[in-house]
């Protein structure tokens, strides 16, 4: 791991592309950020979204 020196990823522009993607979509590109987001969804930050999805899925299954 590089500690503040030269970085090929920064030179090529990979870092900027990843940052812009994460900002626009709200999906973190780092492993720790993704784990934090998924953990938050499971433990309470996204409960309404999961609950709403389950309700919609249940109603669609009942229609079929």
PDB file of N, CA and C in Angstrom:
ATOM      1  N   UNK A   1       0.844  -1.178   0.000  1.00  0.00           N
ATOM      2  CA  UNK A   1       0.000   0.000   0.000  1.00  0.00           C
ATOM      3  C   UNK A   1       0.888   1.239   0.000  1.00  0.00           C
ATOM      4  N   UNK A   2       0.526   2.210  -0.765  1.00  0.00           N
ATOM      5  CA  UNK A   2       1.302   3.431  -0.886  1.00  0.00           C
ATOM      6  C   UNK A   2       0.934   4.400   0.242  1.00  0.00           C
ATOM      7  N   UNK A   3       1.918   5.051   0.825  1.00  0.00           N
ATOM      8  CA  UNK A   3       1.651   5.942   1.966  1.00  0.00           C
ATOM      9  C   UNK A   3       1.978   7.388   1.634  1.00  0.00           C
ATOM     10  N   UNK A   4       1.312   7.936   0.631  1.00  0.00           N
ATOM     11  CA  UNK A   4       1.454   9.344   0.336  1.00  0.00           C
ATOM     12  C   UNK A   4       2.441   9.675  -0.754  1.00  0.00           C
ATOM     13  N   UNK A   5       2.959   8.705  -1.447  1.00  0.00           N
ATOM     14  CA  UNK A   5       3.902   8.959  -2.526  1.00  0.00           C
ATOM     15  C   UNK A   5       3.221   8.954  -3.878  1.00  0.00           C
ATOM     16  N   UNK A   6       3.923   8.438  -4.860  1.00  0.00           N
ATOM     17  CA  UNK A   6       3.414   8.365  -6.227  1.00  0.00           C
ATOM     18  C   UNK A   6       2.368   7.262  -6.346  1.00  0.00           C
ATOM     19  N   UNK A   7       1.295   7.515  -7.107  1.00  0.00           N
ATOM     20  CA  UNK A   7       0.245   6.521  -7.296  1.00  0.00           C
ATOM     21  C   UNK A   7      -0.126   6.445  -8.773  1.00  0.00           C
ATOM     22  N   UNK A   8       0.001   5.251  -9.336  1.00  0.00           N
ATOM     23  CA  UNK A   8      -0.384   5.047 -10.732  1.00  0.00           C
ATOM     24  C   UNK A   8      -1.886   5.223 -10.914  1.00  0.00           C
ATOM     25  N   UNK A   9      -2.668   4.813  -9.938  1.00  0.00           N
ATOM     26  CA  UNK A   9      -4.122   4.936 -10.054  1.00  0.00           C
ATOM     27  C   UNK A   9      -4.552   6.394 -10.138  1.00  0.00           C
ATOM     28  N   UNK A  10      -3.889   7.245  -9.344  1.00  0.00           N
ATOM     29  CA  UNK A  10      -4.219   8.671  -9.409  1.00  0.00           C
ATOM     30  C   UNK A  10      -3.764   9.279 -10.722  1.00  0.00           C
ATOM     31  N   UNK A  11      -2.607   8.849 -11.217  1.00  0.00           N
ATOM     32  CA  UNK A  11      -2.088   9.367 -12.477  1.00  0.00           C
ATOM     33  C   UNK A  11      -3.005   9.007 -13.638  1.00  0.00           C
ATOM     34  N   UNK A  12      -3.467   7.770 -13.673  1.00  0.00           N
ATOM     35  CA  UNK A  12      -4.326   7.307 -14.760  1.00  0.00           C
ATOM     36  C   UNK A  12      -5.735   7.881 -14.639  1.00  0.00           C
ATOM     37  N   UNK A  13      -6.203   8.151 -13.433  1.00  0.00           N
ATOM     38  CA  UNK A  13      -7.524   8.730 -13.223  1.00  0.00           C
ATOM     39  C   UNK A  13      -8.538   7.766 -12.649  1.00  0.00           C
ATOM     40  N   UNK A  14      -8.093   6.589 -12.232  1.00  0.00           N
ATOM     41  CA  UNK A  14      -9.016   5.599 -11.674  1.00  0.00           C
ATOM     42  C   UNK A  14      -9.652   6.113 -10.387  1.00  0.00           C
ATOM     43  N   UNK A  15      -8.863   6.771  -9.564  1.00  0.00           N
ATOM     44  CA  UNK A  15      -9.369   7.277  -8.285  1.00  0.00           C
ATOM     45  C   UNK A  15     -10.504   8.277  -8.497  1.00  0.00           C
ATOM     46  N   UNK A  16     -10.343   9.176  -9.441  1.00  0.00           N
ATOM     47  CA  UNK A  16     -11.373  10.188  -9.696  1.00  0.00           C
ATOM     48  C   UNK A  16     -12.646   9.558 -10.244  1.00  0.00           C
ATOM     49  N   UNK A  17     -12.501   8.579 -11.129  1.00  0.00           N
ATOM     50  CA  UNK A  17     -13.673   7.898 -11.680  1.00  0.00           C
ATOM     51  C   UNK A  17     -14.444   7.194 -10.571  1.00  0.00           C
ATOM     52  N   UNK A  18     -13.730   6.509  -9.673  1.00  0.00           N
ATOM     53  CA  UNK A  18     -14.381   5.817  -8.564  1.00  0.00           C
ATOM     54  C   UNK A  18     -15.087   6.801  -7.638  1.00  0.00           C
ATOM     55  N   UNK A  19     -14.445   7.941  -7.365  1.00  0.00           N
ATOM     56  CA  UNK A  19     -15.058   8.943  -6.490  1.00  0.00           C
ATOM     57  C   UNK A  19     -16.321   9.510  -7.112  1.00  0.00           C
ATOM     58  N   UNK A  20     -16.264   9.839  -8.402  1.00  0.00           N
ATOM     59  CA  UNK A  20     -17.438  10.397  -9.076  1.00  0.00           C
ATOM     60  C   UNK A  20     -18.579   9.385  -9.126  1.00  0.00           C
ATOM     61  N   UNK A  21     -18.265   8.127  -9.387  1.00  0.00           N
ATOM     62  CA  UNK A  21     -19.281   7.081  -9.405  1.00  0.00           C
ATOM     63  C   UNK A  21     -19.957   6.958  -8.046  1.00  0.00           C
ATOM     64  N   UNK A  22     -19.142   6.949  -6.988  1.00  0.00           N
ATOM     65  CA  UNK A  22     -19.686   6.807  -5.639  1.00  0.00           C
ATOM     66  C   UNK A  22     -20.570   7.993  -5.272  1.00  0.00           C
ATOM     67  N   UNK A  23     -20.189   9.173  -5.654  1.00  0.00           N
ATOM     68  CA  UNK A  23     -20.982  10.365  -5.329  1.00  0.00           C
ATOM     69  C   UNK A  23     -22.303  10.391  -6.082  1.00  0.00           C
ATOM     70  N   UNK A  24     -22.274  10.021  -7.364  1.00  0.00           N
ATOM     71  CA  UNK A  24     -23.488  10.090  -8.184  1.00  0.00           C
ATOM     72  C   UNK A  24     -24.484   8.987  -7.853  1.00  0.00           C
ATOM     73  N   UNK A  25     -24.002   7.790  -7.573  1.00  0.00           N
ATOM     74  CA  UNK A  25     -24.910   6.667  -7.344  1.00  0.00           C
ATOM     75  C   UNK A  25     -25.217   6.432  -5.875  1.00  0.00           C
ATOM     76  N   UNK A  26     -24.348   6.889  -4.992  1.00  0.00           N
ATOM     77  CA  UNK A  26     -24.526   6.616  -3.574  1.00  0.00           C
ATOM     78  C   UNK A  26     -24.032   5.241  -3.170  1.00  0.00           C
ATOM     79  N   UNK A  27     -23.351   4.551  -4.092  1.00  0.00           N
ATOM     80  CA  UNK A  27     -22.811   3.222  -3.811  1.00  0.00           C
ATOM     81  C   UNK A  27     -21.319   3.364  -3.542  1.00  0.00           C
ATOM     82  N   UNK A  28     -20.858   3.059  -2.345  1.00  0.00           N
ATOM     83  CA  UNK A  28     -19.437   3.183  -2.038  1.00  0.00           C
ATOM     84  C   UNK A  28     -18.600   2.202  -2.859  1.00  0.00           C
ATOM     85  N   UNK A  29     -17.390   2.591  -3.222  1.00  0.00           N
ATOM     86  CA  UNK A  29     -16.526   1.727  -4.010  1.00  0.00           C
ATOM     87  C   UNK A  29     -15.464   1.042  -3.157  1.00  0.00           C
ATOM     88  N   UNK A  30     -15.326   1.440  -1.922  1.00  0.00           N
ATOM     89  CA  UNK A  30     -14.355   0.780  -1.052  1.00  0.00           C
ATOM     90  C   UNK A  30     -15.032  -0.373  -0.315  1.00  0.00           C
ATOM     91  N   UNK A  31     -14.245  -1.343   0.078  1.00  0.00           N
ATOM     92  CA  UNK A  31     -14.785  -2.508   0.788  1.00  0.00           C
ATOM     93  C   UNK A  31     -15.420  -2.094   2.108  1.00  0.00           C
ATOM     94  N   UNK A  32     -14.728  -1.250   2.863  1.00  0.00           N
ATOM     95  CA  UNK A  32     -15.262  -0.842   4.166  1.00  0.00           C
ATOM     96  C   UNK A  32     -16.524   0.008   4.019  1.00  0.00           C
ATOM     97  N   UNK A  33     -16.557   0.866   3.005  1.00  0.00           N
ATOM     98  CA  UNK A  33     -17.747   1.684   2.782  1.00  0.00           C
ATOM     99  C   UNK A  33     -18.951   0.857   2.392  1.00  0.00           C
ATOM    100  N   UNK A  34     -18.719  -0.156   1.554  1.00  0.00           N
ATOM    101  CA  UNK A  34     -19.804  -1.031   1.149  1.00  0.00           C
ATOM    102  C   UNK A  34     -20.317  -1.850   2.325  1.00  0.00           C
ATOM    103  N   UNK A  35     -19.408  -2.363   3.148  1.00  0.00           N
ATOM    104  CA  UNK A  35     -19.810  -3.115   4.337  1.00  0.00           C
ATOM    105  C   UNK A  35     -20.596  -2.241   5.299  1.00  0.00           C
ATOM    106  N   UNK A  36     -20.171  -0.986   5.460  1.00  0.00           N
ATOM    107  CA  UNK A  36     -20.860  -0.062   6.362  1.00  0.00           C
ATOM    108  C   UNK A  36     -22.272   0.228   5.855  1.00  0.00           C
ATOM    109  N   UNK A  37     -22.421   0.406   4.534  1.00  0.00           N
ATOM    110  CA  UNK A  37     -23.731   0.704   3.973  1.00  0.00           C
ATOM    111  C   UNK A  37     -24.668  -0.494   4.096  1.00  0.00           C
ATOM    112  N   UNK A  38     -24.179  -1.694   3.792  1.00  0.00           N
ATOM    113  CA  UNK A  38     -25.009  -2.892   3.899  1.00  0.00           C
ATOM    114  C   UNK A  38     -25.377  -3.158   5.354  1.00  0.00           C
ATOM    115  N   UNK A  39     -24.423  -2.993   6.261  1.00  0.00           N
ATOM    116  CA  UNK A  39     -24.695  -3.186   7.680  1.00  0.00           C
ATOM    117  C   UNK A  39     -25.734  -2.212   8.192  1.00  0.00           C
ATOM    118  N   UNK A  40     -25.663  -0.980   7.735  1.00  0.00           N
ATOM    119  CA  UNK A  40     -26.655   0.014   8.143  1.00  0.00           C
ATOM    120  C   UNK A  40     -28.039  -0.323   7.627  1.00  0.00           C
ATOM    121  N   UNK A  41     -28.103  -0.859   6.409  1.00  0.00           N
ATOM    122  CA  UNK A  41     -29.404  -1.230   5.859  1.00  0.00           C
ATOM    123  C   UNK A  41     -30.005  -2.388   6.645  1.00  0.00           C
ATOM    124  N   UNK A  42     -29.177  -3.334   7.024  1.00  0.00           N
ATOM    125  CA  UNK A  42     -29.673  -4.499   7.755  1.00  0.00           C
ATOM    126  C   UNK A  42     -30.077  -4.120   9.179  1.00  0.00           C
ATOM    127  N   UNK A  43     -29.296  -3.258   9.820  1.00  0.00           N
ATOM    128  CA  UNK A  43     -29.519  -2.961  11.231  1.00  0.00           C
ATOM    129  C   UNK A  43     -30.443  -1.784  11.503  1.00  0.00           C
ATOM    130  N   UNK A  44     -30.961  -1.128  10.476  1.00  0.00           N
ATOM    131  CA  UNK A  44     -31.940  -0.116  10.795  1.00  0.00           C
ATOM    132  C   UNK A  44     -31.980   1.110   9.923  1.00  0.00           C
ATOM    133  N   UNK A  45     -30.909   1.446   9.233  1.00  0.00           N
ATOM    134  CA  UNK A  45     -30.948   2.665   8.435  1.00  0.00           C
ATOM    135  C   UNK A  45     -31.842   2.521   7.217  1.00  0.00           C
ATOM    136  N   UNK A  46     -31.990   1.314   6.708  1.00  0.00           N
ATOM    137  CA  UNK A  46     -32.786   1.098   5.511  1.00  0.00           C
ATOM    138  C   UNK A  46     -33.980   0.201   5.743  1.00  0.00           C
ATOM    139  N   UNK A  47     -34.445   0.125   6.981  1.00  0.00           N
ATOM    140  CA  UNK A  47     -35.549  -0.777   7.298  1.00  0.00           C
ATOM    141  C   UNK A  47     -36.810  -0.427   6.527  1.00  0.00           C
ATOM    142  N   UNK A  48     -37.082   0.840   6.335  1.00  0.00           N
ATOM    143  CA  UNK A  48     -38.295   1.224   5.616  1.00  0.00           C
ATOM    144  C   UNK A  48     -38.232   0.774   4.170  1.00  0.00           C
ATOM    145  N   UNK A  49     -37.071   0.865   3.565  1.00  0.00           N
ATOM    146  CA  UNK A  49     -36.921   0.442   2.174  1.00  0.00           C
ATOM    147  C   UNK A  49     -37.118  -1.062   2.061  1.00  0.00           C
ATOM    148  N   UNK A  50     -36.509  -1.815   2.965  1.00  0.00           N
ATOM    149  CA  UNK A  50     -36.645  -3.266   2.951  1.00  0.00           C
ATOM    150  C   UNK A  50     -38.092  -3.660   3.233  1.00  0.00           C
ATOM    151  N   UNK A  51     -38.714  -3.003   4.189  1.00  0.00           N
ATOM    152  CA  UNK A  51     -40.108  -3.289   4.531  1.00  0.00           C
ATOM    153  C   UNK A  51     -41.027  -2.986   3.357  1.00  0.00           C
ATOM    154  N   UNK A  52     -40.827  -1.857   2.714  1.00  0.00           N
ATOM    155  CA  UNK A  52     -41.636  -1.478   1.560  1.00  0.00           C
ATOM    156  C   UNK A  52     -41.455  -2.488   0.429  1.00  0.00           C
ATOM    157  N   UNK A  53     -40.220  -2.916   0.188  1.00  0.00           N
ATOM    158  CA  UNK A  53     -39.952  -3.913  -0.849  1.00  0.00           C
ATOM    159  C   UNK A  53     -40.636  -5.226  -0.551  1.00  0.00           C
ATOM    160  N   UNK A  54     -40.635  -5.641   0.705  1.00  0.00           N
ATOM    161  CA  UNK A  54     -41.284  -6.886   1.096  1.00  0.00           C
ATOM    162  C   UNK A  54     -42.799  -6.791   0.905  1.00  0.00           C
ATOM    163  N   UNK A  55     -43.373  -5.640   1.217  1.00  0.00           N
ATOM    164  CA  UNK A  55     -44.818  -5.451   1.046  1.00  0.00           C
ATOM    165  C   UNK A  55     -45.190  -5.501  -0.429  1.00  0.00           C
ATOM    166  N   UNK A  56     -44.418  -4.816  -1.255  1.00  0.00           N
ATOM    167  CA  UNK A  56     -44.690  -4.802  -2.701  1.00  0.00           C
ATOM    168  C   UNK A  56     -44.528  -6.202  -3.268  1.00  0.00           C
ATOM    169  N   UNK A  57     -43.476  -6.913  -2.874  1.00  0.00           N
ATOM    170  CA  UNK A  57     -43.245  -8.262  -3.365  1.00  0.00           C
ATOM    171  C   UNK A  57     -44.364  -9.195  -2.923  1.00  0.00           C
ATOM    172  N   UNK A  58     -44.805  -9.063  -1.694  1.00  0.00           N
ATOM    173  CA  UNK A  58     -45.908  -9.886  -1.207  1.00  0.00           C
ATOM    174  C   UNK A  58     -47.195  -9.628  -1.959  1.00  0.00           C
ATOM    175  N   UNK A  59     -47.472  -8.378  -2.261  1.00  0.00           N
ATOM    176  CA  UNK A  59     -48.714  -8.067  -2.996  1.00  0.00           C
ATOM    177  C   UNK A  59     -48.624  -8.557  -4.428  1.00  0.00           C
ATOM    178  N   UNK A  60     -47.439  -8.522  -5.037  1.00  0.00           N
ATOM    179  CA  UNK A  60     -47.302  -9.044  -6.394  1.00  0.00           C
ATOM    180  C   UNK A  60     -47.485 -10.558  -6.435  1.00  0.00           C
ATOM    181  N   UNK A  61     -46.998 -11.237  -5.420  1.00  0.00           N
ATOM    182  CA  UNK A  61     -47.158 -12.693  -5.363  1.00  0.00           C
ATOM    183  C   UNK A  61     -48.628 -13.043  -5.184  1.00  0.00           C
ATOM    184  N   UNK A  62     -49.366 -12.251  -4.399  1.00  0.00           N
ATOM    185  CA  UNK A  62     -50.793 -12.516  -4.211  1.00  0.00           C
ATOM    186  C   UNK A  62     -51.601 -12.285  -5.472  1.00  0.00           C
ATOM    187  N   UNK A  63     -51.142 -11.389  -6.339  1.00  0.00           N
ATOM    188  CA  UNK A  63     -51.852 -11.116  -7.583  1.00  0.00           C
ATOM    189  C   UNK A  63     -51.705 -12.246  -8.579  1.00  0.00           C
ATOM    190  N   UNK A  64     -50.633 -12.984  -8.475  1.00  0.00           N
ATOM    191  CA  UNK A  64     -50.365 -14.067  -9.445  1.00  0.00           C
ATOM    192  C   UNK A  64     -51.063 -15.308  -9.070  1.00  0.00           C
TER     193      UNK A  64
END
